[in-house]
Amino acid sequence: MSGLVLTLAPKERVLVNGAVIENGDRRSRMSIRTPGTRILRLRDAIHPEEANTPVRRVCYAVQLVLSGDSDPEESRLPLLRQIEELSQVFTDPDSRASLAEATEALIENHHYGCLRALRSLLPRESRLFAAMPRS
């Protein structure tokens, strides 16, 4: 297994097993070879007050697993339910593929892959909310 490969910009920060690590002055690439390592790019992190839409809430819940603030086993079933709820709204083929990828990654305990797949839905969700009539 090749593991996760992260390419970090200069001064970019990443959370690895609860420790914040900051890259140096140059772009770098890291291979994470240890299975089960909890990794979260801080530039991708959603702050609690930003978890204000359905997709953002699911992303935030996965992020809590990656940061070590939520137990992966206890979170699995609620996350699968939330992803299933999203599939009731996102019915186009691309969204369905992203949700299937998120589900598969979650089942295989690949939370980073799950988050990546879910984040791909954020632009679609924004467009849906923008298209809603305002009252």
N, C-alpha and C. Protein backbone atom coordinates (compact mmCIF):
# COMPACT_ATOMS: atom_id res chain seq x y z
N MET A 1 0.84 -1.18 0.00
CA MET A 1 0.00 0.00 0.00
C MET A 1 0.88 1.24 0.00
N SER A 2 0.60 2.18 -0.88
CA SER A 2 1.43 3.37 -1.01
C SER A 2 1.12 4.41 0.06
N GLY A 3 -0.08 4.42 0.61
CA GLY A 3 -0.43 5.38 1.64
C GLY A 3 -0.91 6.69 1.04
N LEU A 4 -1.08 7.67 1.90
CA LEU A 4 -1.56 8.98 1.51
C LEU A 4 -0.38 9.87 1.15
N VAL A 5 -0.49 10.60 0.06
CA VAL A 5 0.56 11.52 -0.35
C VAL A 5 0.00 12.94 -0.23
N LEU A 6 0.69 13.78 0.54
CA LEU A 6 0.29 15.17 0.71
C LEU A 6 1.34 16.06 0.09
N THR A 7 0.90 17.01 -0.70
CA THR A 7 1.79 18.04 -1.22
C THR A 7 1.43 19.31 -0.48
N LEU A 8 2.40 19.87 0.20
CA LEU A 8 2.15 21.03 1.05
C LEU A 8 2.79 22.29 0.48
N ALA A 9 2.04 23.37 0.50
CA ALA A 9 2.55 24.67 0.08
C ALA A 9 3.48 25.21 1.18
N PRO A 10 4.30 26.20 0.86
CA PRO A 10 5.14 26.80 1.90
C PRO A 10 4.28 27.31 3.07
N LYS A 11 4.72 27.02 4.26
CA LYS A 11 4.07 27.44 5.51
C LYS A 11 2.69 26.83 5.74
N GLU A 12 2.28 25.88 4.89
CA GLU A 12 0.98 25.23 5.08
C GLU A 12 1.02 24.37 6.35
N ARG A 13 -0.10 24.34 7.05
CA ARG A 13 -0.19 23.57 8.28
C ARG A 13 -1.10 22.36 8.08
N VAL A 14 -0.74 21.30 8.78
CA VAL A 14 -1.51 20.06 8.72
C VAL A 14 -1.54 19.48 10.14
N LEU A 15 -2.68 18.89 10.48
CA LEU A 15 -2.85 18.25 11.78
C LEU A 15 -2.60 16.76 11.59
N VAL A 16 -1.62 16.22 12.30
CA VAL A 16 -1.28 14.80 12.20
C VAL A 16 -1.36 14.21 13.60
N ASN A 17 -2.33 13.32 13.81
CA ASN A 17 -2.53 12.68 15.11
C ASN A 17 -2.55 13.69 16.25
N GLY A 18 -3.20 14.81 16.03
CA GLY A 18 -3.37 15.81 17.08
C GLY A 18 -2.27 16.86 17.15
N ALA A 19 -1.20 16.68 16.39
CA ALA A 19 -0.09 17.64 16.40
C ALA A 19 -0.17 18.51 15.15
N VAL A 20 -0.05 19.83 15.33
CA VAL A 20 -0.02 20.74 14.19
C VAL A 20 1.42 20.80 13.69
N ILE A 21 1.57 20.51 12.39
CA ILE A 21 2.88 20.54 11.75
C ILE A 21 2.83 21.60 10.67
N GLU A 22 3.85 22.46 10.64
CA GLU A 22 3.91 23.52 9.63
C GLU A 22 5.05 23.23 8.68
N ASN A 23 4.75 23.31 7.40
CA ASN A 23 5.75 23.11 6.36
C ASN A 23 6.74 24.27 6.38
N GLY A 24 7.91 24.04 5.82
CA GLY A 24 8.94 25.07 5.75
C GLY A 24 8.67 26.08 4.65
N ASP A 25 9.72 26.71 4.17
CA ASP A 25 9.61 27.78 3.19
C ASP A 25 9.41 27.29 1.76
N ARG A 26 9.58 26.01 1.52
CA ARG A 26 9.43 25.47 0.17
C ARG A 26 8.29 24.46 0.11
N ARG A 27 7.78 24.30 -1.09
CA ARG A 27 6.76 23.29 -1.34
C ARG A 27 7.38 21.92 -1.05
N SER A 28 6.61 21.04 -0.44
CA SER A 28 7.15 19.72 -0.14
C SER A 28 6.06 18.66 -0.32
N ARG A 29 6.52 17.45 -0.35
CA ARG A 29 5.63 16.30 -0.53
C ARG A 29 5.94 15.29 0.55
N MET A 30 4.87 14.76 1.17
CA MET A 30 5.03 13.76 2.23
C MET A 30 4.21 12.53 1.88
N SER A 31 4.76 11.38 2.18
CA SER A 31 4.01 10.13 2.06
C SER A 31 3.73 9.63 3.47
N ILE A 32 2.47 9.42 3.76
CA ILE A 32 2.05 8.90 5.06
C ILE A 32 1.85 7.40 4.87
N ARG A 33 2.70 6.62 5.45
CA ARG A 33 2.68 5.18 5.22
C ARG A 33 2.00 4.39 6.33
N THR A 34 1.76 5.02 7.47
CA THR A 34 1.16 4.32 8.59
C THR A 34 -0.36 4.35 8.46
N PRO A 35 -0.99 3.18 8.33
CA PRO A 35 -2.45 3.15 8.25
C PRO A 35 -3.07 3.68 9.55
N GLY A 36 -4.19 4.34 9.43
CA GLY A 36 -4.89 4.83 10.61
C GLY A 36 -4.39 6.16 11.13
N THR A 37 -3.44 6.77 10.45
CA THR A 37 -2.95 8.08 10.88
C THR A 37 -4.05 9.10 10.63
N ARG A 38 -4.31 9.93 11.63
CA ARG A 38 -5.34 10.96 11.50
C ARG A 38 -4.69 12.23 10.97
N ILE A 39 -5.12 12.65 9.77
CA ILE A 39 -4.52 13.80 9.09
C ILE A 39 -5.63 14.75 8.63
N LEU A 40 -5.40 16.05 8.85
CA LEU A 40 -6.34 17.06 8.39
C LEU A 40 -5.55 18.28 7.95
N ARG A 41 -5.73 18.66 6.69
CA ARG A 41 -5.14 19.92 6.21
C ARG A 41 -5.90 21.05 6.88
N LEU A 42 -5.20 21.94 7.53
CA LEU A 42 -5.89 23.01 8.24
C LEU A 42 -6.51 24.01 7.28
N ARG A 43 -5.99 24.12 6.06
CA ARG A 43 -6.62 25.02 5.10
C ARG A 43 -7.98 24.49 4.64
N ASP A 44 -8.20 23.19 4.78
CA ASP A 44 -9.47 22.57 4.41
C ASP A 44 -10.44 22.48 5.58
N ALA A 45 -9.98 22.82 6.78
CA ALA A 45 -10.80 22.64 7.97
C ALA A 45 -12.03 23.55 7.94
N ILE A 46 -13.14 22.99 8.36
CA ILE A 46 -14.38 23.74 8.49
C ILE A 46 -14.53 24.05 9.98
N HIS A 47 -14.70 25.32 10.29
CA HIS A 47 -14.89 25.73 11.68
C HIS A 47 -16.32 25.43 12.10
N PRO A 48 -16.57 25.20 13.38
CA PRO A 48 -17.91 24.81 13.82
C PRO A 48 -19.02 25.75 13.34
N GLU A 49 -18.78 27.05 13.36
CA GLU A 49 -19.81 28.00 12.94
C GLU A 49 -20.05 27.97 11.43
N GLU A 50 -19.13 27.36 10.68
CA GLU A 50 -19.29 27.23 9.22
C GLU A 50 -20.02 25.95 8.83
N ALA A 51 -20.28 25.08 9.79
CA ALA A 51 -20.99 23.82 9.52
C ALA A 51 -22.49 24.10 9.53
N ASN A 52 -22.94 24.93 8.58
CA ASN A 52 -24.31 25.43 8.60
C ASN A 52 -25.16 24.96 7.41
N THR A 53 -24.69 23.96 6.68
CA THR A 53 -25.45 23.37 5.60
C THR A 53 -25.33 21.85 5.73
N PRO A 54 -26.20 21.09 5.08
CA PRO A 54 -26.12 19.62 5.22
C PRO A 54 -24.76 19.03 4.85
N VAL A 55 -24.20 19.42 3.72
CA VAL A 55 -22.91 18.85 3.31
C VAL A 55 -21.81 19.31 4.26
N ARG A 56 -21.82 20.57 4.63
CA ARG A 56 -20.81 21.08 5.57
C ARG A 56 -20.89 20.37 6.92
N ARG A 57 -22.09 20.05 7.37
CA ARG A 57 -22.23 19.34 8.65
C ARG A 57 -21.62 17.94 8.57
N VAL A 58 -21.84 17.24 7.46
CA VAL A 58 -21.26 15.90 7.31
C VAL A 58 -19.73 16.02 7.20
N CYS A 59 -19.26 16.98 6.43
CA CYS A 59 -17.80 17.20 6.32
C CYS A 59 -17.21 17.48 7.69
N TYR A 60 -17.88 18.31 8.47
CA TYR A 60 -17.39 18.65 9.81
C TYR A 60 -17.33 17.40 10.70
N ALA A 61 -18.35 16.55 10.61
CA ALA A 61 -18.37 15.33 11.41
C ALA A 61 -17.20 14.40 11.03
N VAL A 62 -16.90 14.29 9.74
CA VAL A 62 -15.76 13.48 9.30
C VAL A 62 -14.46 14.14 9.78
N GLN A 63 -14.42 15.44 9.71
CA GLN A 63 -13.25 16.19 10.17
C GLN A 63 -12.97 15.92 11.65
N LEU A 64 -14.02 15.80 12.46
CA LEU A 64 -13.83 15.50 13.88
C LEU A 64 -13.18 14.14 14.08
N VAL A 65 -13.49 13.19 13.21
CA VAL A 65 -12.83 11.88 13.28
C VAL A 65 -11.35 12.04 12.93
N LEU A 66 -11.08 12.80 11.86
CA LEU A 66 -9.69 12.99 11.43
C LEU A 66 -8.86 13.72 12.47
N SER A 67 -9.47 14.63 13.20
CA SER A 67 -8.73 15.38 14.21
C SER A 67 -8.58 14.61 15.52
N GLY A 68 -9.28 13.48 15.64
CA GLY A 68 -9.21 12.68 16.85
C GLY A 68 -10.23 13.09 17.90
N ASP A 69 -11.14 14.00 17.55
CA ASP A 69 -12.15 14.47 18.49
C ASP A 69 -13.41 13.62 18.49
N SER A 70 -13.49 12.65 17.61
CA SER A 70 -14.65 11.77 17.52
C SER A 70 -14.16 10.36 17.24
N ASP A 71 -14.79 9.39 17.87
CA ASP A 71 -14.40 7.99 17.70
C ASP A 71 -14.86 7.46 16.34
N PRO A 72 -13.96 6.89 15.54
CA PRO A 72 -14.33 6.40 14.21
C PRO A 72 -15.44 5.35 14.23
N GLU A 73 -15.39 4.44 15.18
CA GLU A 73 -16.39 3.37 15.25
C GLU A 73 -17.76 3.91 15.64
N GLU A 74 -17.79 4.81 16.61
CA GLU A 74 -19.06 5.37 17.05
C GLU A 74 -19.66 6.31 16.01
N SER A 75 -18.81 6.89 15.18
CA SER A 75 -19.26 7.87 14.18
C SER A 75 -19.71 7.22 12.88
N ARG A 76 -19.29 5.99 12.63
CA ARG A 76 -19.54 5.37 11.33
C ARG A 76 -21.03 5.33 10.95
N LEU A 77 -21.86 4.77 11.80
CA LEU A 77 -23.28 4.63 11.46
C LEU A 77 -23.97 5.99 11.29
N PRO A 78 -23.79 6.95 12.22
CA PRO A 78 -24.40 8.26 11.99
C PRO A 78 -23.91 8.92 10.69
N LEU A 79 -22.63 8.77 10.37
CA LEU A 79 -22.12 9.35 9.13
C LEU A 79 -22.73 8.67 7.91
N LEU A 80 -22.87 7.36 7.95
CA LEU A 80 -23.50 6.65 6.84
C LEU A 80 -24.94 7.11 6.65
N ARG A 81 -25.63 7.36 7.75
CA ARG A 81 -27.01 7.86 7.66
C ARG A 81 -27.05 9.25 7.03
N GLN A 82 -26.11 10.11 7.45
CA GLN A 82 -26.07 11.46 6.90
C GLN A 82 -25.76 11.44 5.40
N ILE A 83 -24.86 10.57 4.99
CA ILE A 83 -24.53 10.45 3.57
C ILE A 83 -25.76 9.94 2.81
N GLU A 84 -26.48 9.01 3.39
CA GLU A 84 -27.71 8.50 2.76
C GLU A 84 -28.73 9.62 2.62
N GLU A 85 -28.85 10.48 3.61
CA GLU A 85 -29.77 11.61 3.52
C GLU A 85 -29.35 12.55 2.38
N LEU A 86 -28.06 12.76 2.22
CA LEU A 86 -27.59 13.61 1.12
C LEU A 86 -27.95 13.00 -0.23
N SER A 87 -27.96 11.68 -0.30
CA SER A 87 -28.28 11.02 -1.58
C SER A 87 -29.73 11.23 -1.98
N GLN A 88 -30.58 11.66 -1.04
CA GLN A 88 -31.97 11.96 -1.37
C GLN A 88 -32.09 13.30 -2.10
N VAL A 89 -31.08 14.16 -1.95
CA VAL A 89 -31.09 15.49 -2.57
C VAL A 89 -30.20 15.52 -3.80
N PHE A 90 -29.03 14.94 -3.69
CA PHE A 90 -28.06 14.95 -4.79
C PHE A 90 -28.27 13.71 -5.65
N THR A 91 -29.07 13.86 -6.69
CA THR A 91 -29.47 12.70 -7.48
C THR A 91 -28.79 12.62 -8.84
N ASP A 92 -27.99 13.63 -9.20
CA ASP A 92 -27.32 13.58 -10.50
C ASP A 92 -26.18 12.55 -10.45
N PRO A 93 -25.75 12.03 -11.59
CA PRO A 93 -24.73 10.97 -11.62
C PRO A 93 -23.40 11.35 -10.97
N ASP A 94 -22.93 12.58 -11.17
CA ASP A 94 -21.65 12.98 -10.57
C ASP A 94 -21.74 13.00 -9.04
N SER A 95 -22.82 13.55 -8.53
CA SER A 95 -23.01 13.60 -7.08
C SER A 95 -23.15 12.19 -6.51
N ARG A 96 -23.91 11.35 -7.20
CA ARG A 96 -24.07 9.96 -6.75
C ARG A 96 -22.71 9.25 -6.68
N ALA A 97 -21.86 9.52 -7.67
CA ALA A 97 -20.52 8.92 -7.67
C ALA A 97 -19.71 9.41 -6.47
N SER A 98 -19.80 10.71 -6.17
CA SER A 98 -19.08 11.25 -5.01
C SER A 98 -19.60 10.65 -3.71
N LEU A 99 -20.91 10.51 -3.60
CA LEU A 99 -21.49 9.93 -2.40
C LEU A 99 -21.12 8.45 -2.25
N ALA A 100 -21.09 7.74 -3.36
CA ALA A 100 -20.67 6.33 -3.33
C ALA A 100 -19.21 6.22 -2.91
N GLU A 101 -18.38 7.12 -3.42
CA GLU A 101 -16.96 7.14 -3.05
C GLU A 101 -16.81 7.45 -1.56
N ALA A 102 -17.58 8.41 -1.06
CA ALA A 102 -17.54 8.77 0.37
C ALA A 102 -17.96 7.58 1.23
N THR A 103 -19.02 6.91 0.82
CA THR A 103 -19.52 5.76 1.57
C THR A 103 -18.48 4.64 1.61
N GLU A 104 -17.92 4.33 0.45
CA GLU A 104 -16.91 3.26 0.39
C GLU A 104 -15.70 3.61 1.24
N ALA A 105 -15.24 4.84 1.15
CA ALA A 105 -14.07 5.26 1.93
C ALA A 105 -14.37 5.16 3.43
N LEU A 106 -15.58 5.57 3.83
CA LEU A 106 -15.96 5.50 5.24
C LEU A 106 -16.00 4.06 5.73
N ILE A 107 -16.58 3.18 4.92
CA ILE A 107 -16.65 1.77 5.30
C ILE A 107 -15.25 1.17 5.46
N GLU A 108 -14.32 1.63 4.64
CA GLU A 108 -12.94 1.13 4.70
C GLU A 108 -12.07 1.91 5.67
N ASN A 109 -12.68 2.79 6.48
CA ASN A 109 -11.96 3.61 7.45
C ASN A 109 -10.95 4.56 6.81
N HIS A 110 -11.22 5.01 5.60
CA HIS A 110 -10.38 5.99 4.92
C HIS A 110 -11.09 7.34 5.01
N HIS A 111 -11.02 7.93 6.19
CA HIS A 111 -11.78 9.15 6.46
C HIS A 111 -11.31 10.33 5.62
N TYR A 112 -10.03 10.37 5.29
CA TYR A 112 -9.54 11.47 4.45
C TYR A 112 -10.18 11.38 3.06
N GLY A 113 -10.26 10.17 2.51
CA GLY A 113 -10.91 9.97 1.21
C GLY A 113 -12.39 10.29 1.28
N CYS A 114 -13.03 9.97 2.39
CA CYS A 114 -14.43 10.29 2.58
C CYS A 114 -14.63 11.81 2.57
N LEU A 115 -13.78 12.51 3.30
CA LEU A 115 -13.88 13.97 3.35
C LEU A 115 -13.63 14.58 1.98
N ARG A 116 -12.65 14.06 1.27
CA ARG A 116 -12.34 14.58 -0.07
C ARG A 116 -13.55 14.42 -1.00
N ALA A 117 -14.18 13.25 -0.96
CA ALA A 117 -15.36 13.00 -1.81
C ALA A 117 -16.52 13.91 -1.42
N LEU A 118 -16.74 14.10 -0.15
CA LEU A 118 -17.84 14.95 0.30
C LEU A 118 -17.58 16.42 -0.05
N ARG A 119 -16.34 16.86 0.07
CA ARG A 119 -16.02 18.25 -0.25
C ARG A 119 -16.30 18.57 -1.72
N SER A 120 -16.27 17.57 -2.57
CA SER A 120 -16.56 17.81 -3.99
C SER A 120 -18.02 18.22 -4.19
N LEU A 121 -18.86 17.97 -3.19
CA LEU A 121 -20.28 18.35 -3.28
C LEU A 121 -20.53 19.79 -2.84
N LEU A 122 -19.58 20.42 -2.19
CA LEU A 122 -19.80 21.77 -1.67
C LEU A 122 -20.18 22.79 -2.75
N PRO A 123 -19.51 22.81 -3.91
CA PRO A 123 -19.92 23.77 -4.94
C PRO A 123 -21.35 23.52 -5.44
N ARG A 124 -21.74 22.26 -5.56
CA ARG A 124 -23.10 21.94 -6.00
C ARG A 124 -24.11 22.41 -4.96
N GLU A 125 -23.80 22.17 -3.70
CA GLU A 125 -24.69 22.59 -2.64
C GLU A 125 -24.84 24.12 -2.64
N SER A 126 -23.76 24.82 -2.84
CA SER A 126 -23.82 26.29 -2.90
C SER A 126 -24.71 26.75 -4.04
N ARG A 127 -24.60 26.10 -5.19
CA ARG A 127 -25.45 26.46 -6.33
C ARG A 127 -26.92 26.18 -6.03
N LEU A 128 -27.21 25.07 -5.36
CA LEU A 128 -28.59 24.75 -5.01
C LEU A 128 -29.18 25.80 -4.07
N PHE A 129 -28.40 26.20 -3.08
CA PHE A 129 -28.91 27.22 -2.15
C PHE A 129 -29.06 28.56 -2.85
N ALA A 130 -28.16 28.88 -3.77
CA ALA A 130 -28.26 30.15 -4.50
C ALA A 130 -29.49 30.18 -5.39
N ALA A 131 -29.92 29.03 -5.89
CA ALA A 131 -31.06 28.95 -6.80
C ALA A 131 -32.40 28.93 -6.06
N MET A 132 -32.36 28.73 -4.74
CA MET A 132 -33.61 28.67 -3.97
C MET A 132 -34.27 30.04 -3.91
N PRO A 133 -35.58 30.08 -4.07
CA PRO A 133 -36.28 31.36 -3.93
C PRO A 133 -36.19 31.85 -2.48
N ARG A 134 -36.00 33.11 -2.33
CA ARG A 134 -35.91 33.73 -1.00
C ARG A 134 -37.28 34.22 -0.59
N SER A 135 -37.61 34.04 0.69
CA SER A 135 -38.92 34.51 1.15
C SER A 135 -38.80 35.76 1.99
